[in-house]
Amino acid sequence: MNIYGIDTNHHHPITSWASVAAWLKRMNNGGPGFDMVRLGYSSRSGKGGLILDNIALTSLKTCNKLGIPVGVYVYCYDTTPAAAEKTARDVIAAIKPYKIEYPVAYDMEYGTHDGRATGYKYDNKANAANNTAIVAAALKTIEAAGYYGQIYCSRDFYLNYLERAKLSAYDVWEAAYTSKDTAAVVNGIWQYTSKGSIPGITGNVDLNVAYKNYPAIIKAAGLNGFTAGKPATDTAHELKTIKAGPMSAGDYKKHTAALAADGIAWEDC
């Protein structure tokens, strides 16, 4: 089963959630697809703690409202396992009010924890063991809280700057911008380009394909706040359907523009 989705953050503003939802449905033959929302990043101090993305909570609320299955990821600046645990605890606290049907991913990439040459360098093979311990600490904390944890990184990073054998128990969301997914590991999600173009989002968009039916897996396992196939702590707004019209062309344009601005999908009857 291939399910197509996106990942979003404040760097690429969403101007029309209705258009995004419609695009996802087209890509998935009427299915809802998914969005992996960047919840934020850990403190650049390297000592842990979540800094929220500017649009993260609005994105989660809107996806829940529109029926777009959603997961989250947090970008890592943590430099110790203890820092990663602190960040992961903040992540869980932030997402509890929302319906999360896709994984909670911990994102480790190239660079330094504070953006300066003096900082802890992730893409240093001498740090592979500590990188691995950091990732494992974050994912253990996420899973101990009852959520589905996942690693996010590039293929090169996974192969060269993490000790794969020590992380084999964890699902992987891998970025590899190739024509085929010839992964050295079995991916749960493959991010296959960073240069997608989608109506309703400004700029380039990361495009992904999930090889697992995460909503079914997560609900069946009672993860992410679900129990016996039902959300135990789902505080998302109940969806309502209204009918309006007939109306003039001018009124139609005015009202549909207002709906789009609020992230509400509509259908012409």
C-alpha atoms as a PDB file:
ATOM      1  CA  MET A   1       0.000   0.000   0.000  1.00  0.00           C
ATOM      2  CA  ASN A   2       1.410   3.380  -1.057  1.00  0.00           C
ATOM      3  CA  ILE A   3      -0.053   6.473   0.592  1.00  0.00           C
ATOM      4  CA  TYR A   4       1.163   9.847  -0.650  1.00  0.00           C
ATOM      5  CA  GLY A   5       1.666  12.784   1.654  1.00  0.00           C
ATOM      6  CA  ILE A   6       3.587  15.937   2.452  1.00  0.00           C
ATOM      7  CA  ASP A   7       5.482  17.505   5.326  1.00  0.00           C
ATOM      8  CA  THR A   8       4.973  21.154   6.197  1.00  0.00           C
ATOM      9  CA  ASN A   9       6.429  23.990   8.276  1.00  0.00           C
ATOM     10  CA  HIS A  10       6.337  27.768   8.536  1.00  0.00           C
ATOM     11  CA  HIS A  11       9.045  28.212   5.893  1.00  0.00           C
ATOM     12  CA  HIS A  12       6.452  27.364   3.224  1.00  0.00           C
ATOM     13  CA  PRO A  13       3.213  29.102   4.267  1.00  0.00           C
ATOM     14  CA  ILE A  14      -0.115  27.393   3.613  1.00  0.00           C
ATOM     15  CA  THR A  15      -2.437  29.800   1.833  1.00  0.00           C
ATOM     16  CA  SER A  16      -5.318  27.373   1.227  1.00  0.00           C
ATOM     17  CA  TRP A  17      -5.793  24.231   3.281  1.00  0.00           C
ATOM     18  CA  ALA A  18      -8.794  23.367   1.111  1.00  0.00           C
ATOM     19  CA  SER A  19      -6.502  23.235  -1.924  1.00  0.00           C
ATOM     20  CA  VAL A  20      -3.983  21.108  -0.044  1.00  0.00           C
ATOM     21  CA  ALA A  21      -6.694  18.650   1.023  1.00  0.00           C
ATOM     22  CA  ALA A  22      -7.989  18.447  -2.556  1.00  0.00           C
ATOM     23  CA  TRP A  23      -4.469  17.770  -3.911  1.00  0.00           C
ATOM     24  CA  LEU A  24      -3.909  14.985  -1.388  1.00  0.00           C
ATOM     25  CA  LYS A  25      -7.211  13.380  -2.408  1.00  0.00           C
ATOM     26  CA  ARG A  26      -6.232  13.505  -6.082  1.00  0.00           C
ATOM     27  CA  MET A  27      -2.880  11.886  -5.306  1.00  0.00           C
ATOM     28  CA  ASN A  28      -4.531   9.130  -3.265  1.00  0.00           C
ATOM     29  CA  ASN A  29      -7.531   8.293  -5.472  1.00  0.00           C
ATOM     30  CA  GLY A  30      -9.926   9.886  -3.016  1.00  0.00           C
ATOM     31  CA  GLY A  31      -8.051   8.898   0.141  1.00  0.00           C
ATOM     32  CA  PRO A  32      -6.942  11.661   2.525  1.00  0.00           C
ATOM     33  CA  GLY A  33      -3.163  11.171   2.297  1.00  0.00           C
ATOM     34  CA  PHE A  34      -1.206  12.641   5.194  1.00  0.00           C
ATOM     35  CA  ASP A  35       0.818  15.589   6.479  1.00  0.00           C
ATOM     36  CA  MET A  36       3.898  15.275   8.706  1.00  0.00           C
ATOM     37  CA  VAL A  37       3.899  18.622  10.509  1.00  0.00           C
ATOM     38  CA  ARG A  38       7.131  20.072  11.848  1.00  0.00           C
ATOM     39  CA  LEU A  39       6.228  20.548  15.499  1.00  0.00           C
ATOM     40  CA  GLY A  40       9.390  22.556  16.016  1.00  0.00           C
ATOM     41  CA  TYR A  41      13.003  22.078  17.026  1.00  0.00           C
ATOM     42  CA  SER A  42      14.930  21.428  20.198  1.00  0.00           C
ATOM     43  CA  SER A  43      16.785  24.238  21.925  1.00  0.00           C
ATOM     44  CA  ARG A  44      19.922  25.358  20.107  1.00  0.00           C
ATOM     45  CA  SER A  45      21.660  25.256  23.472  1.00  0.00           C
ATOM     46  CA  GLY A  46      21.866  21.494  22.954  1.00  0.00           C
ATOM     47  CA  LYS A  47      20.342  20.946  26.408  1.00  0.00           C
ATOM     48  CA  GLY A  48      16.864  19.938  25.256  1.00  0.00           C
ATOM     49  CA  GLY A  49      13.391  21.443  25.277  1.00  0.00           C
ATOM     50  CA  LEU A  50      10.946  22.089  22.443  1.00  0.00           C
ATOM     51  CA  ILE A  51      10.675  25.356  20.521  1.00  0.00           C
ATOM     52  CA  LEU A  52       7.376  25.299  18.619  1.00  0.00           C
ATOM     53  CA  ASP A  53       7.175  25.999  14.891  1.00  0.00           C
ATOM     54  CA  ASN A  54       5.127  29.137  14.284  1.00  0.00           C
ATOM     55  CA  ILE A  55       2.304  27.307  12.518  1.00  0.00           C
ATOM     56  CA  ALA A  56       2.542  23.842  14.078  1.00  0.00           C
ATOM     57  CA  LEU A  57      -0.493  23.876  16.362  1.00  0.00           C
ATOM     58  CA  THR A  58      -2.660  25.649  13.786  1.00  0.00           C
ATOM     59  CA  SER A  59      -1.637  23.010  11.241  1.00  0.00           C
ATOM     60  CA  LEU A  60      -2.512  20.153  13.597  1.00  0.00           C
ATOM     61  CA  LYS A  61      -5.872  21.701  14.444  1.00  0.00           C
ATOM     62  CA  THR A  62      -6.679  22.334  10.777  1.00  0.00           C
ATOM     63  CA  CYS A  63      -5.647  18.857   9.642  1.00  0.00           C
ATOM     64  CA  ASN A  64      -7.839  17.331  12.367  1.00  0.00           C
ATOM     65  CA  LYS A  65     -10.703  19.567  11.271  1.00  0.00           C
ATOM     66  CA  LEU A  66     -10.363  18.652   7.589  1.00  0.00           C
ATOM     67  CA  GLY A  67      -9.763  14.946   8.175  1.00  0.00           C
ATOM     68  CA  ILE A  68      -6.162  14.953   6.944  1.00  0.00           C
ATOM     69  CA  PRO A  69      -4.263  12.275   8.915  1.00  0.00           C
ATOM     70  CA  VAL A  70      -1.288  13.890  10.586  1.00  0.00           C
ATOM     71  CA  GLY A  71       2.029  13.043  12.212  1.00  0.00           C
ATOM     72  CA  VAL A  72       4.749  15.289  13.607  1.00  0.00           C
ATOM     73  CA  TYR A  73       8.509  15.638  13.625  1.00  0.00           C
ATOM     74  CA  VAL A  74      10.967  17.612  15.727  1.00  0.00           C
ATOM     75  CA  TYR A  75      14.328  18.842  14.440  1.00  0.00           C
ATOM     76  CA  CYS A  76      17.188  17.879  16.730  1.00  0.00           C
ATOM     77  CA  TYR A  77      19.758  20.220  18.284  1.00  0.00           C
ATOM     78  CA  ASP A  78      20.176  17.930  21.294  1.00  0.00           C
ATOM     79  CA  THR A  79      23.718  16.916  22.210  1.00  0.00           C
ATOM     80  CA  THR A  80      23.088  14.322  24.934  1.00  0.00           C
ATOM     81  CA  PRO A  81      20.563  11.547  25.566  1.00  0.00           C
ATOM     82  CA  ALA A  82      19.242  13.488  28.581  1.00  0.00           C
ATOM     83  CA  ALA A  83      18.562  16.507  26.363  1.00  0.00           C
ATOM     84  CA  ALA A  84      16.766  14.316  23.836  1.00  0.00           C
ATOM     85  CA  GLU A  85      14.562  12.889  26.587  1.00  0.00           C
ATOM     86  CA  LYS A  86      13.633  16.402  27.702  1.00  0.00           C
ATOM     87  CA  THR A  87      12.746  17.413  24.135  1.00  0.00           C
ATOM     88  CA  ALA A  88      10.688  14.268  23.616  1.00  0.00           C
ATOM     89  CA  ARG A  89       8.696  14.880  26.812  1.00  0.00           C
ATOM     90  CA  ASP A  90       7.869  18.389  25.570  1.00  0.00           C
ATOM     91  CA  VAL A  91       6.797  16.967  22.213  1.00  0.00           C
ATOM     92  CA  ILE A  92       4.362  14.554  23.860  1.00  0.00           C
ATOM     93  CA  ALA A  93       2.897  17.305  26.031  1.00  0.00           C
ATOM     94  CA  ALA A  94       2.363  19.525  22.971  1.00  0.00           C
ATOM     95  CA  ILE A  95       0.578  16.927  20.819  1.00  0.00           C
ATOM     96  CA  LYS A  96      -1.707  15.342  23.423  1.00  0.00           C
ATOM     97  CA  PRO A  97      -4.743  17.498  22.526  1.00  0.00           C
ATOM     98  CA  TYR A  98      -4.615  16.437  18.863  1.00  0.00           C
ATOM     99  CA  LYS A  99      -5.445  13.349  16.829  1.00  0.00           C
ATOM    100  CA  ILE A 100      -2.092  11.979  15.664  1.00  0.00           C
ATOM    101  CA  GLU A 101      -2.553   9.081  13.229  1.00  0.00           C
ATOM    102  CA  TYR A 102       1.021   9.022  11.868  1.00  0.00           C
ATOM    103  CA  PRO A 103       4.368   8.651  13.643  1.00  0.00           C
ATOM    104  CA  VAL A 104       6.137  11.055  15.975  1.00  0.00           C
ATOM    105  CA  ALA A 105       9.507  11.441  14.271  1.00  0.00           C
ATOM    106  CA  TYR A 106      12.844  12.592  15.661  1.00  0.00           C
ATOM    107  CA  ASP A 107      14.826  14.397  12.968  1.00  0.00           C
ATOM    108  CA  MET A 108      18.642  14.341  13.019  1.00  0.00           C
ATOM    109  CA  GLU A 109      20.556  15.979  10.178  1.00  0.00           C
ATOM    110  CA  TYR A 110      23.933  17.411   9.199  1.00  0.00           C
ATOM    111  CA  GLY A 111      25.382  20.499  10.837  1.00  0.00           C
ATOM    112  CA  THR A 112      26.028  21.695  14.365  1.00  0.00           C
ATOM    113  CA  HIS A 113      23.736  22.047  17.351  1.00  0.00           C
ATOM    114  CA  ASP A 114      24.075  25.855  17.475  1.00  0.00           C
ATOM    115  CA  GLY A 115      24.879  26.589  13.830  1.00  0.00           C
ATOM    116  CA  ARG A 116      28.476  27.515  14.636  1.00  0.00           C
ATOM    117  CA  ALA A 117      31.712  25.688  13.909  1.00  0.00           C
ATOM    118  CA  THR A 118      32.373  25.400  17.651  1.00  0.00           C
ATOM    119  CA  GLY A 119      29.199  23.404  18.251  1.00  0.00           C
ATOM    120  CA  TYR A 120      28.580  19.666  18.427  1.00  0.00           C
ATOM    121  CA  LYS A 121      28.847  18.335  14.874  1.00  0.00           C
ATOM    122  CA  TYR A 122      26.344  15.620  13.908  1.00  0.00           C
ATOM    123  CA  ASP A 123      28.000  14.733  10.602  1.00  0.00           C
ATOM    124  CA  ASN A 124      31.206  13.599  12.273  1.00  0.00           C
ATOM    125  CA  LYS A 125      31.763   9.860  12.257  1.00  0.00           C
ATOM    126  CA  ALA A 126      33.429  10.125  15.656  1.00  0.00           C
ATOM    127  CA  ASN A 127      30.024  11.187  17.007  1.00  0.00           C
ATOM    128  CA  ALA A 128      28.069   8.284  15.519  1.00  0.00           C
ATOM    129  CA  ALA A 129      27.795   6.442  18.841  1.00  0.00           C
ATOM    130  CA  ASN A 130      26.564   9.544  20.685  1.00  0.00           C
ATOM    131  CA  ASN A 131      24.222  10.429  17.799  1.00  0.00           C
ATOM    132  CA  THR A 132      22.756   6.945  18.118  1.00  0.00           C
ATOM    133  CA  ALA A 133      22.329   7.288  21.865  1.00  0.00           C
ATOM    134  CA  ILE A 134      20.584  10.644  21.390  1.00  0.00           C
ATOM    135  CA  VAL A 135      18.135   9.239  18.825  1.00  0.00           C
ATOM    136  CA  ALA A 136      17.467   6.131  20.910  1.00  0.00           C
ATOM    137  CA  ALA A 137      16.784   8.217  24.030  1.00  0.00           C
ATOM    138  CA  ALA A 138      14.258  10.382  22.182  1.00  0.00           C
ATOM    139  CA  LEU A 139      12.450   7.426  20.630  1.00  0.00           C
ATOM    140  CA  LYS A 140      12.382   5.430  23.879  1.00  0.00           C
ATOM    141  CA  THR A 141      10.766   8.422  25.592  1.00  0.00           C
ATOM    142  CA  ILE A 142       8.219   8.817  22.794  1.00  0.00           C
ATOM    143  CA  GLU A 143       7.333   5.127  22.855  1.00  0.00           C
ATOM    144  CA  ALA A 144       7.214   4.995  26.671  1.00  0.00           C
ATOM    145  CA  ALA A 145       4.494   7.661  26.445  1.00  0.00           C
ATOM    146  CA  GLY A 146       2.475   5.382  24.156  1.00  0.00           C
ATOM    147  CA  TYR A 147       3.270   7.026  20.824  1.00  0.00           C
ATOM    148  CA  TYR A 148       4.642   5.547  17.610  1.00  0.00           C
ATOM    149  CA  GLY A 149       8.263   6.720  17.345  1.00  0.00           C
ATOM    150  CA  GLN A 150      10.216   7.061  14.107  1.00  0.00           C
ATOM    151  CA  ILE A 151      13.669   8.160  12.944  1.00  0.00           C
ATOM    152  CA  TYR A 152      13.924  10.849  10.239  1.00  0.00           C
ATOM    153  CA  CYS A 153      17.208  11.480   8.433  1.00  0.00           C
ATOM    154  CA  SER A 154      18.777  11.364   5.004  1.00  0.00           C
ATOM    155  CA  ARG A 155      19.972   8.086   3.570  1.00  0.00           C
ATOM    156  CA  ASP A 156      23.609   9.194   3.723  1.00  0.00           C
ATOM    157  CA  PHE A 157      23.247  10.282   7.340  1.00  0.00           C
ATOM    158  CA  TYR A 158      21.594   7.012   8.329  1.00  0.00           C
ATOM    159  CA  LEU A 159      24.331   4.966   6.691  1.00  0.00           C
ATOM    160  CA  ASN A 160      27.331   6.993   7.873  1.00  0.00           C
ATOM    161  CA  TYR A 161      26.567   8.886  11.069  1.00  0.00           C
ATOM    162  CA  LEU A 162      24.320   6.508  13.024  1.00  0.00           C
ATOM    163  CA  GLU A 163      24.925   2.963  14.231  1.00  0.00           C
ATOM    164  CA  ARG A 164      22.086   1.257  12.369  1.00  0.00           C
ATOM    165  CA  ALA A 165      22.251  -2.040  14.216  1.00  0.00           C
ATOM    166  CA  LYS A 166      21.464  -0.300  17.504  1.00  0.00           C
ATOM    167  CA  LEU A 167      18.421   1.418  15.970  1.00  0.00           C
ATOM    168  CA  SER A 168      17.027  -1.549  14.052  1.00  0.00           C
ATOM    169  CA  ALA A 169      13.946  -1.733  16.282  1.00  0.00           C
ATOM    170  CA  TYR A 170      12.741   1.656  15.075  1.00  0.00           C
ATOM    171  CA  ASP A 171      10.799   2.656  11.997  1.00  0.00           C
ATOM    172  CA  VAL A 172      12.542   4.934   9.483  1.00  0.00           C
ATOM    173  CA  TRP A 173      11.415   7.935   7.462  1.00  0.00           C
ATOM    174  CA  GLU A 174      14.252   8.436   5.032  1.00  0.00           C
ATOM    175  CA  ALA A 175      15.027  11.329   2.679  1.00  0.00           C
ATOM    176  CA  ALA A 176      16.628  10.189  -0.569  1.00  0.00           C
ATOM    177  CA  TYR A 177      16.042  12.243  -3.702  1.00  0.00           C
ATOM    178  CA  THR A 178      16.423   9.477  -6.250  1.00  0.00           C
ATOM    179  CA  SER A 179      14.225   8.079  -8.990  1.00  0.00           C
ATOM    180  CA  LYS A 180      13.701   4.837  -7.054  1.00  0.00           C
ATOM    181  CA  ASP A 181      13.646   3.946  -3.388  1.00  0.00           C
ATOM    182  CA  THR A 182      16.625   1.581  -3.266  1.00  0.00           C
ATOM    183  CA  ALA A 183      17.041   1.871   0.481  1.00  0.00           C
ATOM    184  CA  ALA A 184      19.604  -0.020   2.479  1.00  0.00           C
ATOM    185  CA  VAL A 185      16.897  -0.359   5.118  1.00  0.00           C
ATOM    186  CA  VAL A 186      13.181  -0.962   4.880  1.00  0.00           C
ATOM    187  CA  ASN A 187      11.579   2.465   5.045  1.00  0.00           C
ATOM    188  CA  GLY A 188       8.217   3.197   6.563  1.00  0.00           C
ATOM    189  CA  ILE A 189       8.125   6.519   4.717  1.00  0.00           C
ATOM    190  CA  TRP A 190      10.289   7.723   1.841  1.00  0.00           C
ATOM    191  CA  GLN A 191      10.720  11.453   1.238  1.00  0.00           C
ATOM    192  CA  TYR A 192      11.508  11.449  -2.449  1.00  0.00           C
ATOM    193  CA  THR A 193      11.801  15.145  -3.282  1.00  0.00           C
ATOM    194  CA  SER A 194      12.072  18.522  -1.594  1.00  0.00           C
ATOM    195  CA  LYS A 195      10.892  20.394  -4.675  1.00  0.00           C
ATOM    196  CA  GLY A 196       7.234  19.485  -4.979  1.00  0.00           C
ATOM    197  CA  SER A 197       4.672  22.075  -5.993  1.00  0.00           C
ATOM    198  CA  ILE A 198       1.187  21.996  -4.455  1.00  0.00           C
ATOM    199  CA  PRO A 199      -1.744  24.387  -4.853  1.00  0.00           C
ATOM    200  CA  GLY A 200      -2.262  26.188  -1.552  1.00  0.00           C
ATOM    201  CA  ILE A 201       1.369  26.126  -0.357  1.00  0.00           C
ATOM    202  CA  THR A 202       3.940  28.830  -1.094  1.00  0.00           C
ATOM    203  CA  GLY A 203       7.296  27.564  -2.368  1.00  0.00           C
ATOM    204  CA  ASN A 204       8.698  24.067  -2.640  1.00  0.00           C
ATOM    205  CA  VAL A 205       7.134  21.218  -0.671  1.00  0.00           C
ATOM    206  CA  ASP A 206       8.621  17.926   0.528  1.00  0.00           C
ATOM    207  CA  LEU A 207       6.743  14.967  -0.966  1.00  0.00           C
ATOM    208  CA  ASN A 208       6.555  11.557   0.687  1.00  0.00           C
ATOM    209  CA  VAL A 209       5.172   8.081   0.205  1.00  0.00           C
ATOM    210  CA  ALA A 210       4.219   5.878   3.153  1.00  0.00           C
ATOM    211  CA  TYR A 211       4.463   2.128   2.663  1.00  0.00           C
ATOM    212  CA  LYS A 212       2.412   1.303   5.750  1.00  0.00           C
ATOM    213  CA  ASN A 213      -1.163   2.075   6.727  1.00  0.00           C
ATOM    214  CA  TYR A 214      -0.113   3.967   9.836  1.00  0.00           C
ATOM    215  CA  PRO A 215      -3.611   4.958  10.992  1.00  0.00           C
ATOM    216  CA  ALA A 216      -4.651   1.294  11.016  1.00  0.00           C
ATOM    217  CA  ILE A 217      -1.434   0.128  12.695  1.00  0.00           C
ATOM    218  CA  ILE A 218      -1.510   2.843  15.353  1.00  0.00           C
ATOM    219  CA  LYS A 219      -5.177   2.373  16.197  1.00  0.00           C
ATOM    220  CA  ALA A 220      -4.920  -1.423  16.314  1.00  0.00           C
ATOM    221  CA  ALA A 221      -1.962  -1.156  18.703  1.00  0.00           C
ATOM    222  CA  GLY A 222      -3.685   1.411  20.906  1.00  0.00           C
ATOM    223  CA  LEU A 223      -0.960   4.020  20.340  1.00  0.00           C
ATOM    224  CA  ASN A 224      -1.053   7.825  20.043  1.00  0.00           C
ATOM    225  CA  GLY A 225      -4.011   8.103  22.420  1.00  0.00           C
ATOM    226  CA  PHE A 226      -6.180   5.547  20.621  1.00  0.00           C
ATOM    227  CA  THR A 227      -7.892   2.706  22.453  1.00  0.00           C
ATOM    228  CA  ALA A 228      -9.759  -0.139  20.735  1.00  0.00           C
ATOM    229  CA  GLY A 229      -9.805   1.791  17.486  1.00  0.00           C
ATOM    230  CA  LYS A 230     -11.180   4.985  19.038  1.00  0.00           C
ATOM    231  CA  PRO A 231      -9.317   8.111  20.124  1.00  0.00           C
ATOM    232  CA  ALA A 232      -9.074   8.168  23.893  1.00  0.00           C
ATOM    233  CA  THR A 233      -7.989  11.790  24.122  1.00  0.00           C
ATOM    234  CA  ASP A 234      -9.227  13.273  20.880  1.00  0.00           C
ATOM    235  CA  THR A 235     -10.166  16.880  21.460  1.00  0.00           C
ATOM    236  CA  ALA A 236     -10.412  17.795  17.780  1.00  0.00           C
ATOM    237  CA  HIS A 237     -13.540  19.664  16.783  1.00  0.00           C
ATOM    238  CA  GLU A 238     -16.473  17.577  15.601  1.00  0.00           C
ATOM    239  CA  LEU A 239     -16.870  18.026  11.875  1.00  0.00           C
ATOM    240  CA  LYS A 240     -20.117  19.519  10.621  1.00  0.00           C
ATOM    241  CA  THR A 241     -21.619  19.684   7.130  1.00  0.00           C
ATOM    242  CA  ILE A 242     -23.748  22.575   5.940  1.00  0.00           C
ATOM    243  CA  LYS A 243     -25.487  23.333   2.654  1.00  0.00           C
ATOM    244  CA  ALA A 244     -25.772  26.841   1.233  1.00  0.00           C
ATOM    245  CA  GLY A 245     -27.387  28.306  -1.844  1.00  0.00           C
ATOM    246  CA  PRO A 246     -28.500  28.914  -4.424  1.00  0.00           C
ATOM    247  CA  MET A 247     -26.546  32.191  -4.614  1.00  0.00           C
ATOM    248  CA  SER A 248     -25.254  34.671  -7.139  1.00  0.00           C
ATOM    249  CA  ALA A 249     -21.834  34.306  -8.738  1.00  0.00           C
ATOM    250  CA  GLY A 250     -20.595  37.239  -6.689  1.00  0.00           C
ATOM    251  CA  ASP A 251     -21.809  35.753  -3.405  1.00  0.00           C
ATOM    252  CA  TYR A 252     -20.345  32.372  -4.355  1.00  0.00           C
ATOM    253  CA  LYS A 253     -16.924  33.933  -4.930  1.00  0.00           C
ATOM    254  CA  LYS A 254     -17.092  35.854  -1.648  1.00  0.00           C
ATOM    255  CA  HIS A 255     -18.182  32.893   0.477  1.00  0.00           C
ATOM    256  CA  THR A 256     -15.825  30.313  -1.028  1.00  0.00           C
ATOM    257  CA  ALA A 257     -12.917  32.734  -0.527  1.00  0.00           C
ATOM    258  CA  ALA A 258     -13.906  33.039   3.138  1.00  0.00           C
ATOM    259  CA  LEU A 259     -14.102  29.249   3.490  1.00  0.00           C
ATOM    260  CA  ALA A 260     -10.659  28.832   1.939  1.00  0.00           C
ATOM    261  CA  ALA A 261      -9.207  31.449   4.288  1.00  0.00           C
ATOM    262  CA  ASP A 262     -10.538  29.425   7.238  1.00  0.00           C
ATOM    263  CA  GLY A 263      -9.185  26.150   5.848  1.00  0.00           C
ATOM    264  CA  ILE A 264     -12.670  24.713   5.260  1.00  0.00           C
ATOM    265  CA  ALA A 265     -13.247  22.377   2.322  1.00  0.00           C
ATOM    266  CA  TRP A 266     -16.436  22.592   0.225  1.00  0.00           C
ATOM    267  CA  GLU A 267     -18.008  20.817  -2.709  1.00  0.00           C
ATOM    268  CA  ASP A 268     -20.231  22.212  -5.461  1.00  0.00           C
ATOM    269  CA  CYS A 269     -23.575  20.433  -5.616  1.00  0.00           C
END
